[in-house]
Amino acid sequence: MVDKRPTYSIVVEMENAQFIDWDEMGVGLTALAREIAVVSST
């Protein structure tokens, strides 16, 4: 059985980052997922 839904991979590179703001990452990933859903639905 083949899954007809597309899959996506996300790579985040953060050179010299002192810390990771996971809340900000979550906001960005949520926005990206929303955009992918809109484009995929057409």
PDB file of N, CA and C in Angstrom:
ATOM      1  N   MET A   1       0.845  -1.177   0.000  1.00  0.00           N
ATOM      2  CA  MET A   1       0.000   0.000   0.000  1.00  0.00           C
ATOM      3  C   MET A   1       0.894   1.246   0.000  1.00  0.00           C
ATOM      4  N   VAL A   2       0.579   2.179  -0.889  1.00  0.00           N
ATOM      5  CA  VAL A   2       1.363   3.407  -1.003  1.00  0.00           C
ATOM      6  C   VAL A   2       0.580   4.550  -0.373  1.00  0.00           C
ATOM      7  N   ASP A   3       1.247   5.296   0.504  1.00  0.00           N
ATOM      8  CA  ASP A   3       0.622   6.465   1.127  1.00  0.00           C
ATOM      9  C   ASP A   3       0.614   7.598   0.113  1.00  0.00           C
ATOM     10  N   LYS A   4      -0.556   8.144  -0.183  1.00  0.00           N
ATOM     11  CA  LYS A   4      -0.667   9.189  -1.192  1.00  0.00           C
ATOM     12  C   LYS A   4      -0.395  10.579  -0.636  1.00  0.00           C
ATOM     13  N   ARG A   5      -0.251  10.676   0.677  1.00  0.00           N
ATOM     14  CA  ARG A   5       0.060  11.981   1.259  1.00  0.00           C
ATOM     15  C   ARG A   5       1.553  12.251   1.142  1.00  0.00           C
ATOM     16  N   PRO A   6       1.925  13.469   0.740  1.00  0.00           N
ATOM     17  CA  PRO A   6       3.352  13.776   0.649  1.00  0.00           C
ATOM     18  C   PRO A   6       3.979  13.880   2.036  1.00  0.00           C
ATOM     19  N   THR A   7       5.260  13.629   2.092  1.00  0.00           N
ATOM     20  CA  THR A   7       5.999  13.815   3.339  1.00  0.00           C
ATOM     21  C   THR A   7       7.043  14.900   3.123  1.00  0.00           C
ATOM     22  N   TYR A   8       7.430  15.546   4.185  1.00  0.00           N
ATOM     23  CA  TYR A   8       8.391  16.639   4.119  1.00  0.00           C
ATOM     24  C   TYR A   8       9.440  16.448   5.199  1.00  0.00           C
ATOM     25  N   SER A   9      10.645  16.880   4.899  1.00  0.00           N
ATOM     26  CA  SER A   9      11.727  16.884   5.884  1.00  0.00           C
ATOM     27  C   SER A   9      12.195  18.320   6.058  1.00  0.00           C
ATOM     28  N   ILE A  10      12.509  18.673   7.276  1.00  0.00           N
ATOM     29  CA  ILE A  10      12.985  20.022   7.571  1.00  0.00           C
ATOM     30  C   ILE A  10      14.338  19.904   8.261  1.00  0.00           C
ATOM     31  N   VAL A  11      15.302  20.635   7.742  1.00  0.00           N
ATOM     32  CA  VAL A  11      16.632  20.682   8.344  1.00  0.00           C
ATOM     33  C   VAL A  11      16.863  22.107   8.822  1.00  0.00           C
ATOM     34  N   VAL A  12      17.233  22.239  10.072  1.00  0.00           N
ATOM     35  CA  VAL A  12      17.511  23.559  10.639  1.00  0.00           C
ATOM     36  C   VAL A  12      18.988  23.603  11.007  1.00  0.00           C
ATOM     37  N   GLU A  13      19.705  24.537  10.407  1.00  0.00           N
ATOM     38  CA  GLU A  13      21.116  24.715  10.734  1.00  0.00           C
ATOM     39  C   GLU A  13      21.259  25.980  11.573  1.00  0.00           C
ATOM     40  N   MET A  14      21.908  25.852  12.691  1.00  0.00           N
ATOM     41  CA  MET A  14      22.061  26.995  13.593  1.00  0.00           C
ATOM     42  C   MET A  14      23.514  27.069  14.046  1.00  0.00           C
ATOM     43  N   GLU A  15      24.351  27.618  13.187  1.00  0.00           N
ATOM     44  CA  GLU A  15      25.761  27.740  13.525  1.00  0.00           C
ATOM     45  C   GLU A  15      25.946  28.785  14.624  1.00  0.00           C
ATOM     46  N   ASN A  16      26.756  28.465  15.577  1.00  0.00           N
ATOM     47  CA  ASN A  16      27.121  29.384  16.656  1.00  0.00           C
ATOM     48  C   ASN A  16      25.932  29.842  17.502  1.00  0.00           C
ATOM     49  N   ALA A  17      24.871  29.064  17.530  1.00  0.00           N
ATOM     50  CA  ALA A  17      23.711  29.432  18.347  1.00  0.00           C
ATOM     51  C   ALA A  17      24.041  29.210  19.821  1.00  0.00           C
ATOM     52  N   GLN A  18      23.773  30.198  20.629  1.00  0.00           N
ATOM     53  CA  GLN A  18      24.001  30.078  22.063  1.00  0.00           C
ATOM     54  C   GLN A  18      22.873  29.284  22.726  1.00  0.00           C
ATOM     55  N   PHE A  19      21.677  29.367  22.163  1.00  0.00           N
ATOM     56  CA  PHE A  19      20.531  28.620  22.671  1.00  0.00           C
ATOM     57  C   PHE A  19      19.511  28.483  21.549  1.00  0.00           C
ATOM     58  N   ILE A  20      18.571  27.592  21.735  1.00  0.00           N
ATOM     59  CA  ILE A  20      17.490  27.403  20.770  1.00  0.00           C
ATOM     60  C   ILE A  20      16.198  27.862  21.425  1.00  0.00           C
ATOM     61  N   ASP A  21      15.536  28.808  20.796  1.00  0.00           N
ATOM     62  CA  ASP A  21      14.248  29.293  21.285  1.00  0.00           C
ATOM     63  C   ASP A  21      13.166  28.373  20.711  1.00  0.00           C
ATOM     64  N   TRP A  22      12.816  27.341  21.480  1.00  0.00           N
ATOM     65  CA  TRP A  22      11.880  26.335  20.984  1.00  0.00           C
ATOM     66  C   TRP A  22      10.486  26.905  20.754  1.00  0.00           C
ATOM     67  N   ASP A  23      10.099  27.922  21.505  1.00  0.00           N
ATOM     68  CA  ASP A  23       8.798  28.552  21.264  1.00  0.00           C
ATOM     69  C   ASP A  23       8.780  29.218  19.887  1.00  0.00           C
ATOM     70  N   GLU A  24       9.858  29.917  19.557  1.00  0.00           N
ATOM     71  CA  GLU A  24       9.954  30.563  18.250  1.00  0.00           C
ATOM     72  C   GLU A  24      10.023  29.527  17.129  1.00  0.00           C
ATOM     73  N   MET A  25      10.729  28.435  17.368  1.00  0.00           N
ATOM     74  CA  MET A  25      10.782  27.355  16.377  1.00  0.00           C
ATOM     75  C   MET A  25       9.381  26.792  16.144  1.00  0.00           C
ATOM     76  N   GLY A  26       8.623  26.625  17.221  1.00  0.00           N
ATOM     77  CA  GLY A  26       7.264  26.106  17.104  1.00  0.00           C
ATOM     78  C   GLY A  26       6.370  27.017  16.292  1.00  0.00           C
ATOM     79  N   VAL A  27       6.501  28.315  16.511  1.00  0.00           N
ATOM     80  CA  VAL A  27       5.707  29.289  15.756  1.00  0.00           C
ATOM     81  C   VAL A  27       6.051  29.199  14.271  1.00  0.00           C
ATOM     82  N   GLY A  28       7.335  29.136  13.976  1.00  0.00           N
ATOM     83  CA  GLY A  28       7.767  29.055  12.580  1.00  0.00           C
ATOM     84  C   GLY A  28       7.324  27.772  11.904  1.00  0.00           C
ATOM     85  N   LEU A  29       7.445  26.656  12.604  1.00  0.00           N
ATOM     86  CA  LEU A  29       7.038  25.374  12.021  1.00  0.00           C
ATOM     87  C   LEU A  29       5.527  25.295  11.833  1.00  0.00           C
ATOM     88  N   THR A  30       4.785  25.878  12.750  1.00  0.00           N
ATOM     89  CA  THR A  30       3.325  25.910  12.609  1.00  0.00           C
ATOM     90  C   THR A  30       2.921  26.728  11.391  1.00  0.00           C
ATOM     91  N   ALA A  31       3.573  27.868  11.197  1.00  0.00           N
ATOM     92  CA  ALA A  31       3.289  28.703  10.027  1.00  0.00           C
ATOM     93  C   ALA A  31       3.660  27.971   8.740  1.00  0.00           C
ATOM     94  N   LEU A  32       4.796  27.287   8.744  1.00  0.00           N
ATOM     95  CA  LEU A  32       5.216  26.523   7.572  1.00  0.00           C
ATOM     96  C   LEU A  32       4.221  25.406   7.267  1.00  0.00           C
ATOM     97  N   ALA A  33       3.775  24.697   8.286  1.00  0.00           N
ATOM     98  CA  ALA A  33       2.793  23.622   8.094  1.00  0.00           C
ATOM     99  C   ALA A  33       1.494  24.170   7.521  1.00  0.00           C
ATOM    100  N   ARG A  34       1.086  25.330   7.979  1.00  0.00           N
ATOM    101  CA  ARG A  34      -0.133  25.965   7.475  1.00  0.00           C
ATOM    102  C   ARG A  34       0.021  26.288   5.986  1.00  0.00           C
ATOM    103  N   GLU A  35       1.171  26.837   5.605  1.00  0.00           N
ATOM    104  CA  GLU A  35       1.414  27.171   4.201  1.00  0.00           C
ATOM    105  C   GLU A  35       1.459  25.914   3.331  1.00  0.00           C
ATOM    106  N   ILE A  36       2.091  24.869   3.820  1.00  0.00           N
ATOM    107  CA  ILE A  36       2.148  23.610   3.068  1.00  0.00           C
ATOM    108  C   ILE A  36       0.746  23.054   2.876  1.00  0.00           C
ATOM    109  N   ALA A  37      -0.079  23.122   3.907  1.00  0.00           N
ATOM    110  CA  ALA A  37      -1.454  22.620   3.805  1.00  0.00           C
ATOM    111  C   ALA A  37      -2.246  23.396   2.759  1.00  0.00           C
ATOM    112  N   VAL A  38      -2.055  24.706   2.711  1.00  0.00           N
ATOM    113  CA  VAL A  38      -2.772  25.530   1.736  1.00  0.00           C
ATOM    114  C   VAL A  38      -2.347  25.164   0.317  1.00  0.00           C
ATOM    115  N   VAL A  39      -1.050  25.067   0.090  1.00  0.00           N
ATOM    116  CA  VAL A  39      -0.545  24.750  -1.247  1.00  0.00           C
ATOM    117  C   VAL A  39      -0.927  23.330  -1.652  1.00  0.00           C
ATOM    118  N   SER A  40      -0.902  22.407  -0.716  1.00  0.00           N
ATOM    119  CA  SER A  40      -1.207  21.008  -1.020  1.00  0.00           C
ATOM    120  C   SER A  40      -2.679  20.785  -1.320  1.00  0.00           C
ATOM    121  N   SER A  41      -3.533  21.676  -0.860  1.00  0.00           N
ATOM    122  CA  SER A  41      -4.971  21.475  -1.043  1.00  0.00           C
ATOM    123  C   SER A  41      -5.456  21.935  -2.412  1.00  0.00           C
ATOM    124  N   THR A  42      -4.592  22.559  -3.192  1.00  0.00           N
ATOM    125  CA  THR A  42      -5.027  23.057  -4.507  1.00  0.00           C
ATOM    126  C   THR A  42      -4.629  22.123  -5.615  1.00  0.00           C
TER     127      THR A  42
END
